[in-house]
Amino acid sequence: MNLVHKPIILGLAASDIQDAAFYYNQQKTGLGLRFTKEVKATIKFVCNNPKAAPNRYKDRHTILVDDFPYLIHYTVDSKAQVIRIHAVLHTSRDPKNWKDR
């Protein structure tokens, strides 16, 4: 039985989401909202299946957002039943941009 974990979206990750949504809305009206919905759906999936995505950097997991080239970078705190979202970055960006978040 999977335990449901609570998501905590850290400040820089929230900015990542907001910036990407703004960019997508500039490209096409409503696309930013679609991006945000996909990010939320991916986070919900992770909260219900915290170990579904592989560890990419030590304890950091990454999962791809459906239909968009973005990876959600997160850690799992099983004891506190928390998922911490550290970054939501375009797949072409250097991972060094988020490692210290």
PDB file of N, CA and C in Angstrom:
ATOM      1  N   MET A   1       0.850  -1.190   0.000  1.00  0.00           N
ATOM      2  CA  MET A   1       0.000   0.000   0.000  1.00  0.00           C
ATOM      3  C   MET A   1       0.888   1.242   0.000  1.00  0.00           C
ATOM      4  N   ASN A   2       0.641   2.133  -0.940  1.00  0.00           N
ATOM      5  CA  ASN A   2       1.408   3.376  -1.013  1.00  0.00           C
ATOM      6  C   ASN A   2       0.823   4.402  -0.055  1.00  0.00           C
ATOM      7  N   LEU A   3       1.697   5.081   0.640  1.00  0.00           N
ATOM      8  CA  LEU A   3       1.273   6.174   1.499  1.00  0.00           C
ATOM      9  C   LEU A   3       1.236   7.454   0.679  1.00  0.00           C
ATOM     10  N   VAL A   4       0.259   8.255   0.924  1.00  0.00           N
ATOM     11  CA  VAL A   4       0.168   9.532   0.228  1.00  0.00           C
ATOM     12  C   VAL A   4       1.063  10.525   0.949  1.00  0.00           C
ATOM     13  N   HIS A   5       1.969  11.130   0.196  1.00  0.00           N
ATOM     14  CA  HIS A   5       2.884  12.130   0.737  1.00  0.00           C
ATOM     15  C   HIS A   5       2.351  13.529   0.416  1.00  0.00           C
ATOM     16  N   LYS A   6       2.652  14.465   1.272  1.00  0.00           N
ATOM     17  CA  LYS A   6       2.255  15.856   1.067  1.00  0.00           C
ATOM     18  C   LYS A   6       3.322  16.560   0.233  1.00  0.00           C
ATOM     19  N   PRO A   7       2.911  17.311  -0.799  1.00  0.00           N
ATOM     20  CA  PRO A   7       3.913  18.045  -1.581  1.00  0.00           C
ATOM     21  C   PRO A   7       4.267  19.379  -0.925  1.00  0.00           C
ATOM     22  N   ILE A   8       5.543  19.707  -0.964  1.00  0.00           N
ATOM     23  CA  ILE A   8       6.017  21.031  -0.559  1.00  0.00           C
ATOM     24  C   ILE A   8       6.801  21.574  -1.752  1.00  0.00           C
ATOM     25  N   ILE A   9       6.256  22.604  -2.373  1.00  0.00           N
ATOM     26  CA  ILE A   9       6.915  23.220  -3.525  1.00  0.00           C
ATOM     27  C   ILE A   9       7.747  24.381  -2.991  1.00  0.00           C
ATOM     28  N   LEU A  10       9.057  24.215  -3.049  1.00  0.00           N
ATOM     29  CA  LEU A  10       9.966  25.235  -2.545  1.00  0.00           C
ATOM     30  C   LEU A  10       9.926  26.477  -3.435  1.00  0.00           C
ATOM     31  N   GLY A  11      10.332  27.600  -2.879  1.00  0.00           N
ATOM     32  CA  GLY A  11      10.207  28.892  -3.549  1.00  0.00           C
ATOM     33  C   GLY A  11      10.770  28.975  -4.947  1.00  0.00           C
ATOM     34  N   LEU A  12      11.978  28.454  -5.137  1.00  0.00           N
ATOM     35  CA  LEU A  12      12.586  28.523  -6.468  1.00  0.00           C
ATOM     36  C   LEU A  12      11.850  27.632  -7.466  1.00  0.00           C
ATOM     37  N   ALA A  13      11.321  26.509  -7.005  1.00  0.00           N
ATOM     38  CA  ALA A  13      10.549  25.634  -7.882  1.00  0.00           C
ATOM     39  C   ALA A  13       9.244  26.315  -8.290  1.00  0.00           C
ATOM     40  N   ALA A  14       8.613  27.014  -7.348  1.00  0.00           N
ATOM     41  CA  ALA A  14       7.388  27.756  -7.665  1.00  0.00           C
ATOM     42  C   ALA A  14       7.678  28.828  -8.717  1.00  0.00           C
ATOM     43  N   SER A  15       8.828  29.476  -8.590  1.00  0.00           N
ATOM     44  CA  SER A  15       9.241  30.471  -9.597  1.00  0.00           C
ATOM     45  C   SER A  15       9.486  29.823 -10.952  1.00  0.00           C
ATOM     46  N   ASP A  16      10.096  28.630 -10.938  1.00  0.00           N
ATOM     47  CA  ASP A  16      10.315  27.898 -12.190  1.00  0.00           C
ATOM     48  C   ASP A  16       8.990  27.655 -12.906  1.00  0.00           C
ATOM     49  N   ILE A  17       7.994  27.210 -12.159  1.00  0.00           N
ATOM     50  CA  ILE A  17       6.676  26.904 -12.731  1.00  0.00           C
ATOM     51  C   ILE A  17       6.039  28.178 -13.280  1.00  0.00           C
ATOM     52  N   GLN A  18       6.086  29.227 -12.492  1.00  0.00           N
ATOM     53  CA  GLN A  18       5.490  30.503 -12.901  1.00  0.00           C
ATOM     54  C   GLN A  18       6.172  31.060 -14.159  1.00  0.00           C
ATOM     55  N   ASP A  19       7.490  31.013 -14.190  1.00  0.00           N
ATOM     56  CA  ASP A  19       8.230  31.531 -15.346  1.00  0.00           C
ATOM     57  C   ASP A  19       7.910  30.734 -16.614  1.00  0.00           C
ATOM     58  N   ALA A  20       7.859  29.409 -16.490  1.00  0.00           N
ATOM     59  CA  ALA A  20       7.557  28.577 -17.659  1.00  0.00           C
ATOM     60  C   ALA A  20       6.127  28.809 -18.130  1.00  0.00           C
ATOM     61  N   ALA A  21       5.195  28.916 -17.197  1.00  0.00           N
ATOM     62  CA  ALA A  21       3.796  29.170 -17.572  1.00  0.00           C
ATOM     63  C   ALA A  21       3.672  30.505 -18.297  1.00  0.00           C
ATOM     64  N   PHE A  22       4.362  31.511 -17.805  1.00  0.00           N
ATOM     65  CA  PHE A  22       4.359  32.822 -18.462  1.00  0.00           C
ATOM     66  C   PHE A  22       4.904  32.709 -19.886  1.00  0.00           C
ATOM     67  N   TYR A  23       6.023  32.015 -20.036  1.00  0.00           N
ATOM     68  CA  TYR A  23       6.615  31.818 -21.363  1.00  0.00           C
ATOM     69  C   TYR A  23       5.625  31.128 -22.300  1.00  0.00           C
ATOM     70  N   TYR A  24       5.017  30.038 -21.833  1.00  0.00           N
ATOM     71  CA  TYR A  24       4.080  29.302 -22.691  1.00  0.00           C
ATOM     72  C   TYR A  24       2.858  30.138 -23.039  1.00  0.00           C
ATOM     73  N   ASN A  25       2.384  30.971 -22.127  1.00  0.00           N
ATOM     74  CA  ASN A  25       1.252  31.852 -22.445  1.00  0.00           C
ATOM     75  C   ASN A  25       1.624  32.895 -23.487  1.00  0.00           C
ATOM     76  N   GLN A  26       2.892  33.287 -23.512  1.00  0.00           N
ATOM     77  CA  GLN A  26       3.352  34.217 -24.550  1.00  0.00           C
ATOM     78  C   GLN A  26       3.342  33.545 -25.923  1.00  0.00           C
ATOM     79  N   GLN A  27       3.564  32.226 -25.929  1.00  0.00           N
ATOM     80  CA  GLN A  27       3.586  31.483 -27.188  1.00  0.00           C
ATOM     81  C   GLN A  27       2.174  31.239 -27.713  1.00  0.00           C
ATOM     82  N   LYS A  28       1.253  30.904 -26.777  1.00  0.00           N
ATOM     83  CA  LYS A  28      -0.131  30.625 -27.158  1.00  0.00           C
ATOM     84  C   LYS A  28      -1.012  30.775 -25.915  1.00  0.00           C
ATOM     85  N   THR A  29      -2.053  31.550 -26.026  1.00  0.00           N
ATOM     86  CA  THR A  29      -2.961  31.766 -24.906  1.00  0.00           C
ATOM     87  C   THR A  29      -3.502  30.433 -24.402  1.00  0.00           C
ATOM     88  N   GLY A  30      -3.412  30.228 -23.096  1.00  0.00           N
ATOM     89  CA  GLY A  30      -3.912  29.008 -22.475  1.00  0.00           C
ATOM     90  C   GLY A  30      -2.885  27.907 -22.336  1.00  0.00           C
ATOM     91  N   LEU A  31      -1.778  28.018 -23.050  1.00  0.00           N
ATOM     92  CA  LEU A  31      -0.758  26.971 -22.985  1.00  0.00           C
ATOM     93  C   LEU A  31      -0.077  26.954 -21.613  1.00  0.00           C
ATOM     94  N   GLY A  32       0.071  28.106 -21.000  1.00  0.00           N
ATOM     95  CA  GLY A  32       0.654  28.178 -19.663  1.00  0.00           C
ATOM     96  C   GLY A  32      -0.214  27.473 -18.637  1.00  0.00           C
ATOM     97  N   LEU A  33      -1.526  27.609 -18.766  1.00  0.00           N
ATOM     98  CA  LEU A  33      -2.450  26.915 -17.869  1.00  0.00           C
ATOM     99  C   LEU A  33      -2.349  25.407 -18.070  1.00  0.00           C
ATOM    100  N   ARG A  34      -2.235  24.986 -19.312  1.00  0.00           N
ATOM    101  CA  ARG A  34      -2.080  23.551 -19.599  1.00  0.00           C
ATOM    102  C   ARG A  34      -0.783  23.021 -18.984  1.00  0.00           C
ATOM    103  N   PHE A  35       0.296  23.796 -19.105  1.00  0.00           N
ATOM    104  CA  PHE A  35       1.573  23.413 -18.492  1.00  0.00           C
ATOM    105  C   PHE A  35       1.411  23.251 -16.986  1.00  0.00           C
ATOM    106  N   THR A  36       0.796  24.248 -16.355  1.00  0.00           N
ATOM    107  CA  THR A  36       0.605  24.205 -14.904  1.00  0.00           C
ATOM    108  C   THR A  36      -0.221  22.993 -14.479  1.00  0.00           C
ATOM    109  N   LYS A  37      -1.256  22.677 -15.237  1.00  0.00           N
ATOM    110  CA  LYS A  37      -2.080  21.500 -14.925  1.00  0.00           C
ATOM    111  C   LYS A  37      -1.270  20.209 -15.037  1.00  0.00           C
ATOM    112  N   GLU A  38      -0.409  20.119 -16.040  1.00  0.00           N
ATOM    113  CA  GLU A  38       0.430  18.924 -16.205  1.00  0.00           C
ATOM    114  C   GLU A  38       1.442  18.805 -15.064  1.00  0.00           C
ATOM    115  N   VAL A  39       2.005  19.932 -14.643  1.00  0.00           N
ATOM    116  CA  VAL A  39       2.934  19.918 -13.510  1.00  0.00           C
ATOM    117  C   VAL A  39       2.209  19.432 -12.258  1.00  0.00           C
ATOM    118  N   LYS A  40       1.017  19.969 -11.998  1.00  0.00           N
ATOM    119  CA  LYS A  40       0.241  19.561 -10.826  1.00  0.00           C
ATOM    120  C   LYS A  40      -0.115  18.078 -10.877  1.00  0.00           C
ATOM    121  N   ALA A  41      -0.484  17.593 -12.057  1.00  0.00           N
ATOM    122  CA  ALA A  41      -0.819  16.169 -12.202  1.00  0.00           C
ATOM    123  C   ALA A  41       0.405  15.296 -11.942  1.00  0.00           C
ATOM    124  N   THR A  42       1.566  15.740 -12.401  1.00  0.00           N
ATOM    125  CA  THR A  42       2.804  14.983 -12.180  1.00  0.00           C
ATOM    126  C   THR A  42       3.168  14.973 -10.697  1.00  0.00           C
ATOM    127  N   ILE A  43       3.012  16.106 -10.047  1.00  0.00           N
ATOM    128  CA  ILE A  43       3.295  16.174  -8.606  1.00  0.00           C
ATOM    129  C   ILE A  43       2.330  15.269  -7.842  1.00  0.00           C
ATOM    130  N   LYS A  44       1.073  15.264  -8.227  1.00  0.00           N
ATOM    131  CA  LYS A  44       0.096  14.386  -7.567  1.00  0.00           C
ATOM    132  C   LYS A  44       0.494  12.919  -7.749  1.00  0.00           C
ATOM    133  N   PHE A  45       0.922  12.555  -8.954  1.00  0.00           N
ATOM    134  CA  PHE A  45       1.376  11.194  -9.206  1.00  0.00           C
ATOM    135  C   PHE A  45       2.552  10.840  -8.291  1.00  0.00           C
ATOM    136  N   VAL A  46       3.515  11.755  -8.187  1.00  0.00           N
ATOM    137  CA  VAL A  46       4.696  11.530  -7.350  1.00  0.00           C
ATOM    138  C   VAL A  46       4.292  11.371  -5.884  1.00  0.00           C
ATOM    139  N   CYS A  47       3.346  12.161  -5.434  1.00  0.00           N
ATOM    140  CA  CYS A  47       2.908  12.074  -4.034  1.00  0.00           C
ATOM    141  C   CYS A  47       2.279  10.715  -3.730  1.00  0.00           C
ATOM    142  N   ASN A  48       1.647  10.123  -4.716  1.00  0.00           N
ATOM    143  CA  ASN A  48       1.039   8.803  -4.530  1.00  0.00           C
ATOM    144  C   ASN A  48       1.997   7.664  -4.851  1.00  0.00           C
ATOM    145  N   ASN A  49       3.074   7.968  -5.568  1.00  0.00           N
ATOM    146  CA  ASN A  49       4.059   6.967  -5.987  1.00  0.00           C
ATOM    147  C   ASN A  49       5.461   7.557  -5.866  1.00  0.00           C
ATOM    148  N   PRO A  50       5.900   7.865  -4.653  1.00  0.00           N
ATOM    149  CA  PRO A  50       7.149   8.616  -4.484  1.00  0.00           C
ATOM    150  C   PRO A  50       8.401   7.949  -5.045  1.00  0.00           C
ATOM    151  N   LYS A  51       8.413   6.638  -5.135  1.00  0.00           N
ATOM    152  CA  LYS A  51       9.608   5.935  -5.626  1.00  0.00           C
ATOM    153  C   LYS A  51       9.485   5.526  -7.101  1.00  0.00           C
ATOM    154  N   ALA A  52       8.438   6.010  -7.766  1.00  0.00           N
ATOM    155  CA  ALA A  52       8.219   5.633  -9.165  1.00  0.00           C
ATOM    156  C   ALA A  52       9.284   6.200 -10.098  1.00  0.00           C
ATOM    157  N   ALA A  53       9.797   7.367  -9.772  1.00  0.00           N
ATOM    158  CA  ALA A  53      10.823   7.995 -10.599  1.00  0.00           C
ATOM    159  C   ALA A  53      12.199   7.632 -10.039  1.00  0.00           C
ATOM    160  N   PRO A  54      13.165   7.462 -10.915  1.00  0.00           N
ATOM    161  CA  PRO A  54      14.498   7.044 -10.454  1.00  0.00           C
ATOM    162  C   PRO A  54      15.250   8.154  -9.731  1.00  0.00           C
ATOM    163  N   ASN A  55      16.190   7.731  -8.876  1.00  0.00           N
ATOM    164  CA  ASN A  55      17.143   8.687  -8.296  1.00  0.00           C
ATOM    165  C   ASN A  55      18.070   9.109  -9.420  1.00  0.00           C
ATOM    166  N   ARG A  56      18.263  10.389  -9.547  1.00  0.00           N
ATOM    167  CA  ARG A  56      19.156  10.870 -10.581  1.00  0.00           C
ATOM    168  C   ARG A  56      20.467  11.381  -9.985  1.00  0.00           C
ATOM    169  N   TYR A  57      20.370  12.052  -8.861  1.00  0.00           N
ATOM    170  CA  TYR A  57      21.539  12.607  -8.181  1.00  0.00           C
ATOM    171  C   TYR A  57      21.396  12.291  -6.698  1.00  0.00           C
ATOM    172  N   LYS A  58      22.103  11.279  -6.236  1.00  0.00           N
ATOM    173  CA  LYS A  58      22.020  10.828  -4.843  1.00  0.00           C
ATOM    174  C   LYS A  58      20.572  10.604  -4.449  1.00  0.00           C
ATOM    175  N   ASP A  59      20.031  11.475  -3.599  1.00  0.00           N
ATOM    176  CA  ASP A  59      18.661  11.311  -3.112  1.00  0.00           C
ATOM    177  C   ASP A  59      17.640  12.088  -3.939  1.00  0.00           C
ATOM    178  N   ARG A  60      18.074  12.711  -5.018  1.00  0.00           N
ATOM    179  CA  ARG A  60      17.181  13.527  -5.849  1.00  0.00           C
ATOM    180  C   ARG A  60      16.562  12.680  -6.954  1.00  0.00           C
ATOM    181  N   HIS A  61      15.253  12.701  -7.008  1.00  0.00           N
ATOM    182  CA  HIS A  61      14.510  12.020  -8.059  1.00  0.00           C
ATOM    183  C   HIS A  61      14.151  13.038  -9.131  1.00  0.00           C
ATOM    184  N   THR A  62      13.953  12.550 -10.353  1.00  0.00           N
ATOM    185  CA  THR A  62      13.449  13.414 -11.421  1.00  0.00           C
ATOM    186  C   THR A  62      12.365  12.665 -12.176  1.00  0.00           C
ATOM    187  N   ILE A  63      11.373  13.435 -12.610  1.00  0.00           N
ATOM    188  CA  ILE A  63      10.290  12.866 -13.403  1.00  0.00           C
ATOM    189  C   ILE A  63       9.908  13.877 -14.475  1.00  0.00           C
ATOM    190  N   LEU A  64       9.638  13.374 -15.657  1.00  0.00           N
ATOM    191  CA  LEU A  64       9.300  14.213 -16.791  1.00  0.00           C
ATOM    192  C   LEU A  64       7.828  14.609 -16.735  1.00  0.00           C
ATOM    193  N   VAL A  65       7.547  15.863 -17.042  1.00  0.00           N
ATOM    194  CA  VAL A  65       6.182  16.365 -17.119  1.00  0.00           C
ATOM    195  C   VAL A  65       5.611  15.944 -18.474  1.00  0.00           C
ATOM    196  N   ASP A  66       4.405  15.365 -18.480  1.00  0.00           N
ATOM    197  CA  ASP A  66       3.776  14.944 -19.736  1.00  0.00           C
ATOM    198  C   ASP A  66       3.620  16.125 -20.690  1.00  0.00           C
ATOM    199  N   ASP A  67       3.938  15.893 -21.956  1.00  0.00           N
ATOM    200  CA  ASP A  67       3.749  16.841 -23.061  1.00  0.00           C
ATOM    201  C   ASP A  67       4.649  18.075 -23.036  1.00  0.00           C
ATOM    202  N   PHE A  68       5.514  18.190 -22.046  1.00  0.00           N
ATOM    203  CA  PHE A  68       6.407  19.343 -21.950  1.00  0.00           C
ATOM    204  C   PHE A  68       7.810  18.858 -21.596  1.00  0.00           C
ATOM    205  N   PRO A  69       8.845  19.513 -22.130  1.00  0.00           N
ATOM    206  CA  PRO A  69      10.231  19.075 -21.860  1.00  0.00           C
ATOM    207  C   PRO A  69      10.778  19.614 -20.534  1.00  0.00           C
ATOM    208  N   TYR A  70      10.080  19.299 -19.451  1.00  0.00           N
ATOM    209  CA  TYR A  70      10.476  19.755 -18.120  1.00  0.00           C
ATOM    210  C   TYR A  70      10.610  18.578 -17.179  1.00  0.00           C
ATOM    211  N   LEU A  71      11.645  18.624 -16.344  1.00  0.00           N
ATOM    212  CA  LEU A  71      11.847  17.628 -15.297  1.00  0.00           C
ATOM    213  C   LEU A  71      11.547  18.260 -13.947  1.00  0.00           C
ATOM    214  N   ILE A  72      10.798  17.526 -13.139  1.00  0.00           N
ATOM    215  CA  ILE A  72      10.566  17.922 -11.760  1.00  0.00           C
ATOM    216  C   ILE A  72      11.629  17.219 -10.923  1.00  0.00           C
ATOM    217  N   HIS A  73      12.380  17.992 -10.153  1.00  0.00           N
ATOM    218  CA  HIS A  73      13.437  17.474  -9.292  1.00  0.00           C
ATOM    219  C   HIS A  73      12.905  17.490  -7.862  1.00  0.00           C
ATOM    220  N   TYR A  74      12.909  16.320  -7.205  1.00  0.00           N
ATOM    221  CA  TYR A  74      12.313  16.247  -5.876  1.00  0.00           C
ATOM    222  C   TYR A  74      13.041  15.257  -4.980  1.00  0.00           C
ATOM    223  N   THR A  75      12.801  15.411  -3.675  1.00  0.00           N
ATOM    224  CA  THR A  75      13.294  14.464  -2.684  1.00  0.00           C
ATOM    225  C   THR A  75      12.100  13.920  -1.907  1.00  0.00           C
ATOM    226  N   VAL A  76      12.300  12.728  -1.345  1.00  0.00           N
ATOM    227  CA  VAL A  76      11.258  12.050  -0.587  1.00  0.00           C
ATOM    228  C   VAL A  76      11.691  11.983   0.875  1.00  0.00           C
ATOM    229  N   ASP A  77      10.825  12.438   1.748  1.00  0.00           N
ATOM    230  CA  ASP A  77      11.026  12.273   3.189  1.00  0.00           C
ATOM    231  C   ASP A  77       9.926  11.334   3.660  1.00  0.00           C
ATOM    232  N   SER A  78      10.239  10.033   3.655  1.00  0.00           N
ATOM    233  CA  SER A  78       9.242   9.016   3.989  1.00  0.00           C
ATOM    234  C   SER A  78       8.784   9.112   5.434  1.00  0.00           C
ATOM    235  N   LYS A  79       9.689   9.474   6.304  1.00  0.00           N
ATOM    236  CA  LYS A  79       9.341   9.575   7.722  1.00  0.00           C
ATOM    237  C   LYS A  79       8.278  10.662   7.941  1.00  0.00           C
ATOM    238  N   ALA A  80       8.473  11.816   7.344  1.00  0.00           N
ATOM    239  CA  ALA A  80       7.521  12.926   7.473  1.00  0.00           C
ATOM    240  C   ALA A  80       6.400  12.837   6.439  1.00  0.00           C
ATOM    241  N   GLN A  81       6.503  11.886   5.524  1.00  0.00           N
ATOM    242  CA  GLN A  81       5.555  11.704   4.419  1.00  0.00           C
ATOM    243  C   GLN A  81       5.416  12.991   3.597  1.00  0.00           C
ATOM    244  N   VAL A  82       6.579  13.503   3.176  1.00  0.00           N
ATOM    245  CA  VAL A  82       6.645  14.760   2.435  1.00  0.00           C
ATOM    246  C   VAL A  82       7.453  14.557   1.159  1.00  0.00           C
ATOM    247  N   ILE A  83       6.997  15.182   0.091  1.00  0.00           N
ATOM    248  CA  ILE A  83       7.745  15.290  -1.165  1.00  0.00           C
ATOM    249  C   ILE A  83       8.145  16.750  -1.291  1.00  0.00           C
ATOM    250  N   ARG A  84       9.445  17.009  -1.381  1.00  0.00           N
ATOM    251  CA  ARG A  84       9.925  18.381  -1.565  1.00  0.00           C
ATOM    252  C   ARG A  84      10.278  18.583  -3.032  1.00  0.00           C
ATOM    253  N   ILE A  85       9.613  19.533  -3.655  1.00  0.00           N
ATOM    254  CA  ILE A  85       9.889  19.874  -5.046  1.00  0.00           C
ATOM    255  C   ILE A  85      10.951  20.974  -5.026  1.00  0.00           C
ATOM    256  N   HIS A  86      12.143  20.652  -5.544  1.00  0.00           N
ATOM    257  CA  HIS A  86      13.266  21.580  -5.511  1.00  0.00           C
ATOM    258  C   HIS A  86      13.378  22.417  -6.777  1.00  0.00           C
ATOM    259  N   ALA A  87      12.982  21.843  -7.916  1.00  0.00           N
ATOM    260  CA  ALA A  87      13.128  22.559  -9.182  1.00  0.00           C
ATOM    261  C   ALA A  87      12.206  21.949 -10.227  1.00  0.00           C
ATOM    262  N   VAL A  88      11.808  22.788 -11.182  1.00  0.00           N
ATOM    263  CA  VAL A  88      11.060  22.346 -12.360  1.00  0.00           C
ATOM    264  C   VAL A  88      11.771  23.017 -13.534  1.00  0.00           C
ATOM    265  N   LEU A  89      12.668  22.254 -14.171  1.00  0.00           N
ATOM    266  CA  LEU A  89      13.569  22.836 -15.158  1.00  0.00           C
ATOM    267  C   LEU A  89      13.426  22.191 -16.533  1.00  0.00           C
ATOM    268  N   HIS A  90      13.610  23.027 -17.539  1.00  0.00           N
ATOM    269  CA  HIS A  90      13.622  22.544 -18.917  1.00  0.00           C
ATOM    270  C   HIS A  90      14.736  21.509 -19.054  1.00  0.00           C
ATOM    271  N   THR A  91      14.492  20.479 -19.828  1.00  0.00           N
ATOM    272  CA  THR A  91      15.460  19.389 -19.950  1.00  0.00           C
ATOM    273  C   THR A  91      16.777  19.826 -20.601  1.00  0.00           C
ATOM    274  N   SER A  92      16.788  20.949 -21.285  1.00  0.00           N
ATOM    275  CA  SER A  92      18.035  21.408 -21.917  1.00  0.00           C
ATOM    276  C   SER A  92      18.929  22.183 -20.945  1.00  0.00           C
ATOM    277  N   ARG A  93      18.417  22.498 -19.757  1.00  0.00           N
ATOM    278  CA  ARG A  93      19.214  23.270 -18.790  1.00  0.00           C
ATOM    279  C   ARG A  93      20.190  22.380 -18.045  1.00  0.00           C
ATOM    280  N   ASP A  94      21.292  22.971 -17.676  1.00  0.00           N
ATOM    281  CA  ASP A  94      22.341  22.276 -16.934  1.00  0.00           C
ATOM    282  C   ASP A  94      21.853  21.993 -15.509  1.00  0.00           C
ATOM    283  N   PRO A  95      21.936  20.736 -15.048  1.00  0.00           N
ATOM    284  CA  PRO A  95      21.487  20.403 -13.695  1.00  0.00           C
ATOM    285  C   PRO A  95      22.213  21.177 -12.598  1.00  0.00           C
ATOM    286  N   LYS A  96      23.377  21.732 -12.886  1.00  0.00           N
ATOM    287  CA  LYS A  96      24.091  22.537 -11.899  1.00  0.00           C
ATOM    288  C   LYS A  96      23.251  23.734 -11.461  1.00  0.00           C
ATOM    289  N   ASN A  97      22.268  24.121 -12.302  1.00  0.00           N
ATOM    290  CA  ASN A  97      21.408  25.257 -11.975  1.00  0.00           C
ATOM    291  C   ASN A  97      20.525  25.009 -10.766  1.00  0.00           C
ATOM    292  N   TRP A  98      20.329  23.759 -10.390  1.00  0.00           N
ATOM    293  CA  TRP A  98      19.409  23.476  -9.283  1.00  0.00           C
ATOM    294  C   TRP A  98      20.036  22.724  -8.127  1.00  0.00           C
ATOM    295  N   LYS A  99      21.221  22.213  -8.272  1.00  0.00           N
ATOM    296  CA  LYS A  99      21.790  21.335  -7.247  1.00  0.00           C
ATOM    297  C   LYS A  99      21.878  21.957  -5.859  1.00  0.00           C
ATOM    298  N   ASP A 100      22.003  23.255  -5.769  1.00  0.00           N
ATOM    299  CA  ASP A 100      22.127  23.901  -4.460  1.00  0.00           C
ATOM    300  C   ASP A 100      20.800  24.411  -3.917  1.00  0.00           C
ATOM    301  N   ARG A 101      19.712  24.054  -4.558  1.00  0.00           N
ATOM    302  CA  ARG A 101      18.395  24.529  -4.099  1.00  0.00           C
ATOM    303  C   ARG A 101      17.918  23.754  -2.919  1.00  0.00           C
TER     304      ARG A 101
END
